[in-house]
Amino acid sequence: GSIISELGLLTNIQHLNLEGNAFSGSIISELGNLTKIAALYVELNDLTGSIPASICASAFLEEADADCDKVVCTCCNGPVCCGAIENKTSIFEEANCPVEADGGQGT
């Protein structure tokens, strides 16, 4: 199934783990309403699209993981996705991930 848009109404949520739930379809834009989120996990699903920029820009965000072969996530990290969270500890050296000058995922 898909991620329901009503999740975007949970504006005070701090941790959202949707990992490994067989979700399919696009990442919903309503996730961008979760401006207080500290951790977002959407990996191990069949999702496509982009993690909303407002989540990546959140001062509260500490960790985000996604399947970066399918989902664009400029702020993701972890073993599944090589990305960066600005001003946070980078795992690039540990994961041996290529990094582009703009901080995005290398190819």
C-alpha atoms as a PDB file:
ATOM      1  CA  GLY A   1       0.000   0.000   0.000  1.00  0.00           C
ATOM      2  CA  SER A   2       0.943   3.657   0.016  1.00  0.00           C
ATOM      3  CA  ILE A   3       1.805   6.066   2.781  1.00  0.00           C
ATOM      4  CA  ILE A   4      -1.351   7.906   3.822  1.00  0.00           C
ATOM      5  CA  SER A   5      -1.391  11.690   3.523  1.00  0.00           C
ATOM      6  CA  GLU A   6      -2.848  12.037   7.023  1.00  0.00           C
ATOM      7  CA  LEU A   7       0.654  11.411   8.417  1.00  0.00           C
ATOM      8  CA  GLY A   8       1.326  15.025   7.476  1.00  0.00           C
ATOM      9  CA  LEU A   9      -1.166  16.106  10.131  1.00  0.00           C
ATOM     10  CA  LEU A  10       1.096  14.783  12.905  1.00  0.00           C
ATOM     11  CA  THR A  11       3.123  17.998  12.945  1.00  0.00           C
ATOM     12  CA  ASN A  12       4.620  17.425  16.409  1.00  0.00           C
ATOM     13  CA  ILE A  13       5.896  13.910  15.681  1.00  0.00           C
ATOM     14  CA  GLN A  14       9.603  13.497  16.371  1.00  0.00           C
ATOM     15  CA  HIS A  15      10.353   9.937  15.195  1.00  0.00           C
ATOM     16  CA  LEU A  16       8.715   8.173  12.264  1.00  0.00           C
ATOM     17  CA  ASN A  17       9.794   4.650  11.357  1.00  0.00           C
ATOM     18  CA  LEU A  18       8.172   3.320   8.191  1.00  0.00           C
ATOM     19  CA  GLU A  19      11.048   0.933   7.507  1.00  0.00           C
ATOM     20  CA  GLY A  20      10.295  -2.419   5.856  1.00  0.00           C
ATOM     21  CA  ASN A  21       6.511  -2.107   5.587  1.00  0.00           C
ATOM     22  CA  ALA A  22       6.131  -2.906   1.864  1.00  0.00           C
ATOM     23  CA  PHE A  23       4.975   0.642   1.110  1.00  0.00           C
ATOM     24  CA  SER A  24       4.937   1.537  -2.592  1.00  0.00           C
ATOM     25  CA  GLY A  25       4.352   4.663  -4.638  1.00  0.00           C
ATOM     26  CA  SER A  26       5.739   8.140  -4.118  1.00  0.00           C
ATOM     27  CA  ILE A  27       6.958   9.753  -0.932  1.00  0.00           C
ATOM     28  CA  ILE A  28       4.046  12.002   0.001  1.00  0.00           C
ATOM     29  CA  SER A  29       4.646  15.736   0.019  1.00  0.00           C
ATOM     30  CA  GLU A  30       2.671  15.993   3.271  1.00  0.00           C
ATOM     31  CA  LEU A  31       5.706  14.596   5.098  1.00  0.00           C
ATOM     32  CA  GLY A  32       7.103  18.097   4.610  1.00  0.00           C
ATOM     33  CA  ASN A  33       4.733  19.245   7.366  1.00  0.00           C
ATOM     34  CA  LEU A  34       6.713  17.238   9.938  1.00  0.00           C
ATOM     35  CA  THR A  35       9.028  20.143  10.756  1.00  0.00           C
ATOM     36  CA  LYS A  36       9.853  18.897  14.282  1.00  0.00           C
ATOM     37  CA  ILE A  37      10.987  15.461  13.154  1.00  0.00           C
ATOM     38  CA  ALA A  38      14.312  14.224  14.539  1.00  0.00           C
ATOM     39  CA  ALA A  39      14.389  10.797  12.849  1.00  0.00           C
ATOM     40  CA  LEU A  40      12.755   9.545   9.644  1.00  0.00           C
ATOM     41  CA  TYR A  41      13.196   6.004   8.332  1.00  0.00           C
ATOM     42  CA  VAL A  42      11.596   5.063   5.011  1.00  0.00           C
ATOM     43  CA  GLU A  43      14.112   2.499   3.751  1.00  0.00           C
ATOM     44  CA  LEU A  44      13.375  -1.103   2.760  1.00  0.00           C
ATOM     45  CA  ASN A  45      10.138  -0.224   0.951  1.00  0.00           C
ATOM     46  CA  ASP A  46       9.301   0.253  -2.724  1.00  0.00           C
ATOM     47  CA  LEU A  47       9.010   4.038  -2.531  1.00  0.00           C
ATOM     48  CA  THR A  48      10.054   6.613  -5.119  1.00  0.00           C
ATOM     49  CA  GLY A  49      10.243  10.389  -5.237  1.00  0.00           C
ATOM     50  CA  SER A  50      11.984  12.779  -2.863  1.00  0.00           C
ATOM     51  CA  ILE A  51      12.170  13.407   0.853  1.00  0.00           C
ATOM     52  CA  PRO A  52      10.680  16.922   1.203  1.00  0.00           C
ATOM     53  CA  ALA A  53      13.322  19.649   1.478  1.00  0.00           C
ATOM     54  CA  SER A  54      11.634  21.065   4.603  1.00  0.00           C
ATOM     55  CA  ILE A  55      12.482  17.857   6.474  1.00  0.00           C
ATOM     56  CA  CYS A  56      16.135  18.069   5.456  1.00  0.00           C
ATOM     57  CA  ALA A  57      16.197  21.738   6.445  1.00  0.00           C
ATOM     58  CA  SER A  58      14.725  21.072   9.889  1.00  0.00           C
ATOM     59  CA  ALA A  59      16.956  22.080  12.792  1.00  0.00           C
ATOM     60  CA  PHE A  60      15.593  19.068  14.698  1.00  0.00           C
ATOM     61  CA  LEU A  61      16.590  16.398  12.156  1.00  0.00           C
ATOM     62  CA  GLU A  62      19.309  14.064  13.417  1.00  0.00           C
ATOM     63  CA  GLU A  63      18.875  11.005  11.212  1.00  0.00           C
ATOM     64  CA  ALA A  64      17.090  10.034   8.008  1.00  0.00           C
ATOM     65  CA  ASP A  65      17.390   6.797   6.050  1.00  0.00           C
ATOM     66  CA  ALA A  66      15.976   5.946   2.620  1.00  0.00           C
ATOM     67  CA  ASP A  67      16.669   3.622  -0.311  1.00  0.00           C
ATOM     68  CA  CYS A  68      18.684   6.112  -2.344  1.00  0.00           C
ATOM     69  CA  ASP A  69      18.586   4.015  -5.480  1.00  0.00           C
ATOM     70  CA  LYS A  70      14.861   4.882  -5.575  1.00  0.00           C
ATOM     71  CA  VAL A  71      14.360   7.912  -3.302  1.00  0.00           C
ATOM     72  CA  VAL A  72      16.111  11.265  -3.564  1.00  0.00           C
ATOM     73  CA  CYS A  73      17.224  12.251  -0.080  1.00  0.00           C
ATOM     74  CA  THR A  74      19.885  14.916   0.283  1.00  0.00           C
ATOM     75  CA  CYS A  75      19.922  14.533   4.063  1.00  0.00           C
ATOM     76  CA  CYS A  76      19.907  10.755   4.429  1.00  0.00           C
ATOM     77  CA  ASN A  77      22.627   8.660   6.026  1.00  0.00           C
ATOM     78  CA  GLY A  78      23.133   5.107   7.151  1.00  0.00           C
ATOM     79  CA  PRO A  79      24.263   1.944   5.391  1.00  0.00           C
ATOM     80  CA  VAL A  80      21.417   1.983   2.857  1.00  0.00           C
ATOM     81  CA  CYS A  81      21.900   5.561   1.730  1.00  0.00           C
ATOM     82  CA  CYS A  82      25.020   7.663   1.515  1.00  0.00           C
ATOM     83  CA  GLY A  83      23.962  11.191   2.336  1.00  0.00           C
ATOM     84  CA  ALA A  84      24.728  13.914   4.823  1.00  0.00           C
ATOM     85  CA  ILE A  85      22.946  15.853   7.492  1.00  0.00           C
ATOM     86  CA  GLU A  86      24.443  19.321   7.679  1.00  0.00           C
ATOM     87  CA  ASN A  87      26.263  19.997  10.960  1.00  0.00           C
ATOM     88  CA  LYS A  88      25.887  16.370  12.029  1.00  0.00           C
ATOM     89  CA  THR A  89      28.436  13.565  12.239  1.00  0.00           C
ATOM     90  CA  SER A  90      29.167  12.196   8.789  1.00  0.00           C
ATOM     91  CA  ILE A  91      29.449   8.489   8.104  1.00  0.00           C
ATOM     92  CA  PHE A  92      31.093   8.907   4.708  1.00  0.00           C
ATOM     93  CA  GLU A  93      34.476   7.615   5.838  1.00  0.00           C
ATOM     94  CA  GLU A  94      32.951   4.576   7.526  1.00  0.00           C
ATOM     95  CA  ALA A  95      30.643   3.718   4.616  1.00  0.00           C
ATOM     96  CA  ASN A  96      33.194   4.616   1.921  1.00  0.00           C
ATOM     97  CA  CYS A  97      30.602   6.751   0.151  1.00  0.00           C
ATOM     98  CA  PRO A  98      31.578   9.133  -2.628  1.00  0.00           C
ATOM     99  CA  VAL A  99      30.638  12.720  -1.798  1.00  0.00           C
ATOM    100  CA  GLU A 100      29.989  15.495  -4.291  1.00  0.00           C
ATOM    101  CA  ALA A 101      31.017  19.071  -3.572  1.00  0.00           C
ATOM    102  CA  ASP A 102      27.394  20.084  -2.945  1.00  0.00           C
ATOM    103  CA  GLY A 103      27.034  17.464  -0.206  1.00  0.00           C
ATOM    104  CA  GLY A 104      24.831  15.210  -2.304  1.00  0.00           C
ATOM    105  CA  GLN A 105      25.214  11.525  -2.997  1.00  0.00           C
ATOM    106  CA  GLY A 106      27.974  10.732  -5.470  1.00  0.00           C
ATOM    107  CA  THR A 107      27.652   8.186  -8.222  1.00  0.00           C
END
